[in-house]
Amino acid sequence: MAISDRAKGSNARAVLTLKDLDDEFGSESGYRSAALRDINKRESVICKKCDLENKIPSLDLRSMHCKGCKSIIWLTADTFYHKVRLFRPRVVIMRWFEMGIIVSANQAAKLLTVSNDTVNLIYKQVGIVVSKLMLDNIVEEPSSNCVDIMDRRSIETPAREPAVAEEFEIQATMKKCLGQDANSDIKDAIQLEEDEKIALDVLSEKMSFDQISELLKMEPSDLTRILMSLELKGLIKAMPGSKFIRNDLSVSAQSKTKPENKMSIATTFMYFVKDYFQGVSRKYLQLYVSLHWISFDRIRWETKALRKACASHPHISYEETLSYVTPPIVKFIRERRVA
């Protein structure tokens, strides 16, 4: 498929910017120091083995020895950079995004001399972080509005079926649920763990994290994991003030947005995908919506804004990334803001 003019221009900017970034950071160690300074905002850290509080002597350290038991304390543990070997690809890709420079995974892999799998993983993890920040000024639409760009297969695609069959299965499930009681039956249609079903049942109205925790008598770390999973599956929404509410799929699927507005938002996004990526899988559709938001919102995603957002986000494992599935209702940012 021919490369679009927008993609050609973005590729050229990526090449020039990469040279500037290598001059700015110098080497892999320079990129690593920048990333570590983003996450090492704490003054001290508690040793997990002896519970001794240790002062962090330098912001660009990845590990240090406990002053008490002498064991190694990994400062990147459970952070966005958990067990990361190469920092340069991540810092460069985030800077590209912050500048509105979008390149395909294949092109980024060539420029950064890493594998396509490495770049795809970074794109998806960044997309997961950004998707959780889509709280205000959003429009919710059925994923079926974007079938024209679903031409990449995934592990969710039915065997020996075209890529779009993945969406057709979702539509069939939604129609079945909406024909009855969407909110009560959708948890059976979408695979949920038992603790996720319990949490969804408890969330009958908008509730704070503390209220949910008190009702379920659950550890904060476990509840955070469950709520995160339910949000990724499109079953609940995170609201300002650490509050959560169940997503009314019956209303969202029908969408109160006027058809002409709804189509213009989806169409703009699909042009973006066709220009830069040619197509996507249904499985990761929401994550590409996140990249689209970054590409045009220069006010929200100014320099270092994306790095800060990722640095404050907990570790996203490979398994979590692989298991991600775009919910039936996709979130789009309503307005385009240009600085």
Protein backbone atom coordinates (compact mmCIF):
# COMPACT_ATOMS: atom_id res chain seq x y z
CA MET A 1 0.00 0.00 0.00
CA ALA A 2 1.29 3.47 -0.92
CA ILE A 3 2.48 5.70 1.92
CA SER A 4 0.31 8.79 2.42
CA ASP A 5 1.75 12.30 2.21
CA ARG A 6 1.05 12.79 5.92
CA ALA A 7 3.02 9.64 6.76
CA LYS A 8 5.92 10.70 4.49
CA GLY A 9 6.12 14.07 6.21
CA SER A 10 5.94 12.49 9.66
CA ASN A 11 8.67 9.98 8.76
CA ALA A 12 10.95 12.81 7.61
CA ARG A 13 10.34 14.71 10.85
CA ALA A 14 11.07 11.57 12.85
CA VAL A 15 14.47 11.18 11.18
CA LEU A 16 15.44 14.80 11.86
CA THR A 17 14.12 14.74 15.42
CA LEU A 18 15.96 11.50 16.20
CA LYS A 19 19.27 13.19 15.38
CA ASP A 20 18.38 16.10 17.66
CA LEU A 21 17.38 13.77 20.49
CA ASP A 22 20.58 11.75 20.23
CA ASP A 23 22.51 15.00 20.45
CA GLU A 24 20.44 16.05 23.49
CA PHE A 25 20.68 12.80 25.46
CA GLY A 26 24.05 11.64 24.15
CA SER A 27 23.75 7.89 24.62
CA GLU A 28 21.63 5.10 26.08
CA SER A 29 22.82 6.12 29.55
CA GLY A 30 21.53 9.64 28.93
CA TYR A 31 18.11 8.34 27.92
CA ARG A 32 18.10 6.06 30.96
CA SER A 33 18.94 8.94 33.32
CA ALA A 34 16.11 11.04 31.89
CA ALA A 35 13.59 8.24 32.37
CA LEU A 36 14.80 7.49 35.89
CA ARG A 37 14.54 11.14 36.89
CA ASP A 38 10.90 11.01 35.78
CA ILE A 39 10.06 8.17 38.19
CA ASN A 40 12.42 8.92 41.10
CA LYS A 41 10.39 11.72 42.66
CA ARG A 42 10.45 10.07 46.08
CA GLU A 43 12.96 11.09 48.71
CA SER A 44 13.14 7.62 50.20
CA VAL A 45 12.16 4.00 49.60
CA ILE A 46 11.27 1.14 51.95
CA CYS A 47 13.28 -2.07 51.67
CA LYS A 48 10.87 -4.96 51.10
CA LYS A 49 13.12 -7.39 52.96
CA CYS A 50 13.88 -5.54 56.18
CA ASP A 51 11.35 -2.64 56.10
CA LEU A 52 14.13 -0.08 56.58
CA GLU A 53 13.54 3.33 55.04
CA ASN A 54 16.40 4.28 52.71
CA LYS A 55 17.06 7.78 51.38
CA ILE A 56 17.51 7.84 47.59
CA PRO A 57 20.92 9.47 47.04
CA SER A 58 20.49 10.34 43.35
CA LEU A 59 17.55 10.81 40.98
CA ASP A 60 19.15 8.89 38.11
CA LEU A 61 19.70 5.61 39.97
CA ARG A 62 18.03 2.42 38.82
CA SER A 63 18.99 0.40 41.90
CA MET A 64 20.68 0.83 45.26
CA HIS A 65 21.72 -1.30 48.23
CA CYS A 66 19.72 -1.22 51.44
CA LYS A 67 21.74 0.32 54.26
CA GLY A 68 20.39 -2.31 56.64
CA CYS A 69 20.33 -5.76 54.99
CA LYS A 70 22.49 -4.76 51.97
CA SER A 71 20.00 -6.32 49.53
CA ILE A 72 19.42 -4.67 46.16
CA ILE A 73 16.46 -2.27 45.96
CA TRP A 74 15.22 -1.79 42.40
CA LEU A 75 13.80 1.72 42.08
CA THR A 76 12.17 0.84 38.74
CA ALA A 77 10.29 -2.13 40.23
CA ASP A 78 6.53 -1.99 39.54
CA THR A 79 6.92 1.19 37.46
CA PHE A 80 6.42 1.79 33.74
CA TYR A 81 10.13 0.98 33.27
CA HIS A 82 10.03 -2.30 35.20
CA LYS A 83 12.76 -4.61 33.81
CA VAL A 84 13.22 -2.40 30.74
CA ARG A 85 16.56 -3.06 29.04
CA LEU A 86 16.64 -0.24 26.50
CA PHE A 87 15.37 3.22 27.47
CA ARG A 88 16.16 5.02 24.23
CA PRO A 89 13.26 3.55 22.18
CA ARG A 90 10.72 4.46 24.86
CA VAL A 91 11.93 7.99 25.45
CA VAL A 92 12.23 8.70 21.71
CA ILE A 93 8.79 7.30 20.88
CA MET A 94 7.17 9.32 23.67
CA ARG A 95 8.91 12.49 22.48
CA TRP A 96 7.75 11.81 18.93
CA PHE A 97 4.18 11.46 20.15
CA GLU A 98 4.48 14.66 22.20
CA MET A 99 5.52 16.47 19.02
CA GLY A 100 2.63 15.02 17.03
CA ILE A 101 5.01 12.80 15.05
CA ILE A 102 3.35 9.48 14.25
CA VAL A 103 5.24 6.71 12.49
CA SER A 104 4.30 3.10 11.89
CA ALA A 105 5.80 0.43 14.13
CA ASN A 106 7.81 -0.88 11.18
CA GLN A 107 9.31 2.55 10.44
CA ALA A 108 10.04 3.24 14.12
CA ALA A 109 11.75 -0.15 14.47
CA LYS A 110 14.03 0.63 11.52
CA LEU A 111 14.97 4.08 12.82
CA LEU A 112 15.58 2.84 16.37
CA THR A 113 17.22 -0.45 15.33
CA VAL A 114 14.95 -2.57 17.51
CA SER A 115 12.39 -5.25 16.69
CA ASN A 116 8.84 -4.57 15.54
CA ASP A 117 7.61 -6.46 18.61
CA THR A 118 9.45 -4.03 20.89
CA VAL A 119 7.90 -0.99 19.22
CA ASN A 120 4.42 -2.55 19.14
CA LEU A 121 4.67 -3.26 22.87
CA ILE A 122 5.67 0.35 23.60
CA TYR A 123 2.83 1.71 21.46
CA LYS A 124 0.28 -0.47 23.22
CA GLN A 125 1.54 0.29 26.72
CA VAL A 126 1.54 4.03 26.02
CA GLY A 127 -1.97 3.63 24.59
CA ILE A 128 -3.16 1.90 27.77
CA VAL A 129 -1.81 4.73 29.92
CA VAL A 130 -3.43 7.43 27.78
CA SER A 131 -6.77 5.61 27.45
CA LYS A 132 -7.20 5.78 31.24
CA LEU A 133 -6.86 9.57 31.10
CA MET A 134 -9.85 9.96 28.76
CA LEU A 135 -12.22 11.11 31.51
CA ASP A 136 -13.55 14.45 30.32
CA ASN A 137 -14.93 15.79 27.06
CA ILE A 138 -15.42 12.38 25.48
CA VAL A 139 -17.86 10.79 23.06
CA GLU A 140 -18.66 7.10 23.39
CA GLU A 141 -19.37 5.13 20.23
CA PRO A 142 -19.81 1.46 19.34
CA SER A 143 -16.64 -0.08 17.97
CA SER A 144 -18.68 -1.11 14.93
CA ASN A 145 -18.35 2.49 13.67
CA CYS A 146 -14.74 1.68 12.77
CA VAL A 147 -15.10 -1.58 10.86
CA ASP A 148 -13.55 -0.04 7.73
CA ILE A 149 -10.07 -0.07 9.30
CA MET A 150 -10.25 -3.48 11.03
CA ASP A 151 -8.06 -5.43 8.62
CA ARG A 152 -5.43 -6.82 10.99
CA ARG A 153 -5.89 -10.17 12.67
CA SER A 154 -5.27 -10.75 16.38
CA ILE A 155 -5.44 -13.65 18.81
CA GLU A 156 -9.13 -12.75 19.29
CA THR A 157 -9.94 -13.22 15.59
CA PRO A 158 -11.92 -16.43 14.90
CA ALA A 159 -9.83 -19.09 13.16
CA ARG A 160 -9.94 -19.07 9.35
CA GLU A 161 -12.08 -15.92 9.38
CA PRO A 162 -11.25 -12.40 8.10
CA ALA A 163 -10.05 -9.83 10.63
CA VAL A 164 -13.41 -8.05 10.74
CA ALA A 165 -15.10 -11.24 11.99
CA GLU A 166 -13.79 -10.29 15.44
CA GLU A 167 -16.08 -7.25 15.44
CA PHE A 168 -19.02 -9.24 14.09
CA GLU A 169 -18.77 -11.58 17.09
CA ILE A 170 -18.80 -8.58 19.46
CA GLN A 171 -21.85 -7.14 17.69
CA ALA A 172 -23.70 -10.45 17.96
CA THR A 173 -22.94 -10.63 21.68
CA MET A 174 -24.07 -7.03 22.23
CA LYS A 175 -27.34 -7.56 20.34
CA LYS A 176 -28.07 -10.59 22.47
CA CYS A 177 -27.39 -8.66 25.68
CA LEU A 178 -29.29 -5.53 24.62
CA GLY A 179 -32.28 -7.65 23.70
CA GLN A 180 -32.56 -8.45 27.40
CA ASP A 181 -30.91 -6.44 30.19
CA ALA A 182 -27.53 -5.14 29.05
CA ASN A 183 -26.18 -4.20 32.45
CA SER A 184 -27.10 -7.49 34.14
CA ASP A 185 -26.15 -9.87 31.34
CA ILE A 186 -23.10 -8.20 29.82
CA LYS A 187 -20.85 -9.52 32.60
CA ASP A 188 -21.75 -13.03 31.44
CA ALA A 189 -21.09 -12.18 27.80
CA ILE A 190 -17.68 -10.65 28.55
CA GLN A 191 -15.35 -13.03 30.36
CA LEU A 192 -14.96 -11.92 33.97
CA GLU A 193 -13.25 -13.33 37.01
CA GLU A 194 -15.48 -14.04 40.01
CA ASP A 195 -14.09 -11.08 41.99
CA GLU A 196 -14.77 -8.80 39.00
CA LYS A 197 -18.41 -9.92 38.88
CA ILE A 198 -18.77 -9.22 42.61
CA ALA A 199 -17.27 -5.73 42.26
CA LEU A 200 -19.54 -4.97 39.29
CA ASP A 201 -22.61 -6.04 41.26
CA VAL A 202 -21.64 -3.82 44.20
CA LEU A 203 -21.19 -0.79 41.94
CA SER A 204 -24.90 0.03 41.64
CA GLU A 205 -24.27 3.79 41.78
CA LYS A 206 -21.32 6.19 41.66
CA MET A 207 -19.00 5.23 44.49
CA SER A 208 -15.56 6.20 45.71
CA PHE A 209 -12.63 3.81 45.88
CA ASP A 210 -12.83 3.80 49.68
CA GLN A 211 -16.56 3.01 49.66
CA ILE A 212 -16.05 0.04 47.33
CA SER A 213 -13.10 -1.18 49.38
CA GLU A 214 -15.13 -1.00 52.60
CA LEU A 215 -18.02 -2.94 51.09
CA LEU A 216 -15.85 -5.66 49.60
CA LYS A 217 -13.37 -5.86 52.51
CA MET A 218 -10.58 -6.03 49.95
CA GLU A 219 -6.93 -4.96 49.94
CA PRO A 220 -6.37 -1.68 48.00
CA SER A 221 -3.88 -3.33 45.64
CA ASP A 222 -6.37 -6.11 44.75
CA LEU A 223 -9.23 -3.66 44.29
CA THR A 224 -7.08 -1.43 42.07
CA ARG A 225 -6.35 -4.41 39.82
CA ILE A 226 -10.03 -5.39 39.62
CA LEU A 227 -11.27 -1.86 38.87
CA MET A 228 -8.56 -1.40 36.26
CA SER A 229 -9.63 -4.63 34.55
CA LEU A 230 -13.33 -3.65 34.59
CA GLU A 231 -12.48 -0.24 33.15
CA LEU A 232 -10.39 -1.74 30.35
CA LYS A 233 -13.32 -4.02 29.48
CA GLY A 234 -15.61 -1.01 29.21
CA LEU A 235 -17.87 -2.03 32.08
CA ILE A 236 -17.14 0.88 34.42
CA LYS A 237 -15.94 4.47 34.13
CA ALA A 238 -13.34 6.21 36.29
CA MET A 239 -14.59 9.62 37.42
CA PRO A 240 -12.73 12.59 38.92
CA GLY A 241 -12.02 12.24 42.64
CA SER A 242 -11.21 8.50 42.51
CA LYS A 243 -14.87 7.63 41.97
CA PHE A 244 -16.28 4.93 39.71
CA ILE A 245 -19.60 4.31 38.01
CA ARG A 246 -21.00 1.43 36.00
CA ASN A 247 -21.04 2.03 32.25
CA ASP A 248 -24.62 1.96 30.94
CA LEU A 249 -24.01 -0.07 27.79
CA SER A 250 -27.62 0.05 26.68
CA VAL A 251 -27.44 3.85 26.43
CA SER A 252 -23.89 3.96 25.09
CA ALA A 253 -24.54 1.42 22.37
CA GLN A 254 -27.46 3.44 21.04
CA SER A 255 -25.46 6.68 21.52
CA LYS A 256 -27.17 9.99 22.16
CA THR A 257 -24.72 11.80 19.88
CA LYS A 258 -26.18 13.12 16.64
CA PRO A 259 -25.31 10.81 13.72
CA GLU A 260 -23.48 13.49 11.72
CA ASN A 261 -21.23 14.35 14.68
CA LYS A 262 -20.69 10.72 15.53
CA MET A 263 -19.61 9.85 11.99
CA SER A 264 -17.28 12.84 11.71
CA ILE A 265 -15.37 11.77 14.82
CA ALA A 266 -15.04 8.16 13.72
CA THR A 267 -14.19 9.19 10.15
CA THR A 268 -11.42 11.55 11.30
CA PHE A 269 -9.92 8.77 13.38
CA MET A 270 -10.13 6.28 10.52
CA TYR A 271 -8.32 8.68 8.18
CA PHE A 272 -5.60 8.91 10.83
CA VAL A 273 -5.24 5.12 10.96
CA LYS A 274 -5.26 4.71 7.18
CA ASP A 275 -2.64 7.43 6.72
CA TYR A 276 -0.18 6.19 9.34
CA PHE A 277 -0.94 2.50 9.97
CA GLN A 278 -3.10 1.41 6.99
CA GLY A 279 -5.24 -0.66 9.36
CA VAL A 280 -5.54 -2.05 12.89
CA SER A 281 -6.97 -5.03 14.70
CA ARG A 282 -10.24 -4.68 16.56
CA LYS A 283 -8.51 -5.93 19.70
CA TYR A 284 -6.31 -2.81 20.06
CA LEU A 285 -8.66 -0.24 18.48
CA GLN A 286 -9.02 1.87 21.67
CA LEU A 287 -5.25 2.14 22.01
CA TYR A 288 -4.94 3.65 18.53
CA VAL A 289 -7.70 6.10 19.50
CA SER A 290 -5.37 7.10 22.33
CA LEU A 291 -2.51 7.70 19.89
CA HIS A 292 -4.85 9.77 17.75
CA TRP A 293 -5.63 12.00 20.74
CA ILE A 294 -1.93 12.51 21.40
CA SER A 295 -1.32 13.35 17.74
CA PHE A 296 -3.60 16.39 17.63
CA ASP A 297 -3.86 17.70 21.21
CA ARG A 298 -0.71 19.77 21.56
CA ILE A 299 -2.04 21.53 24.67
CA ARG A 300 -2.65 18.40 26.75
CA TRP A 301 0.33 16.49 25.37
CA GLU A 302 3.06 19.10 25.43
CA THR A 303 6.73 18.21 25.86
CA LYS A 304 7.31 15.76 28.75
CA ALA A 305 3.57 15.44 29.49
CA LEU A 306 3.42 11.89 28.12
CA ARG A 307 6.64 10.89 29.88
CA LYS A 308 5.22 12.17 33.17
CA ALA A 309 1.95 10.29 32.65
CA CYS A 310 3.80 7.04 31.93
CA ALA A 311 6.25 7.56 34.80
CA SER A 312 3.40 7.84 37.30
CA HIS A 313 1.63 4.73 35.97
CA PRO A 314 2.18 1.29 37.53
CA HIS A 315 3.95 -1.45 35.63
CA ILE A 316 2.04 -2.87 32.65
CA SER A 317 3.15 -6.45 32.13
CA TYR A 318 3.46 -8.17 28.77
CA GLU A 319 0.63 -10.49 29.83
CA GLU A 320 -1.65 -7.54 30.64
CA THR A 321 -0.87 -5.95 27.29
CA LEU A 322 -1.52 -9.19 25.43
CA SER A 323 -4.85 -9.72 27.21
CA TYR A 324 -6.11 -6.20 26.47
CA VAL A 325 -9.28 -6.14 24.37
CA THR A 326 -11.07 -2.99 23.20
CA PRO A 327 -14.48 -2.81 24.92
CA PRO A 328 -17.68 -2.71 22.84
CA ILE A 329 -17.93 1.02 23.48
CA VAL A 330 -14.94 3.12 22.37
CA LYS A 331 -14.03 6.48 23.91
CA PHE A 332 -13.12 9.40 21.61
CA ILE A 333 -12.03 12.89 22.61
CA ARG A 334 -14.80 15.28 21.54
CA GLU A 335 -12.80 18.32 20.44
CA ARG A 336 -9.63 18.92 18.52
CA ARG A 337 -7.46 21.43 20.33
CA VAL A 338 -4.46 22.92 18.55
CA ALA A 339 -2.01 25.22 20.28
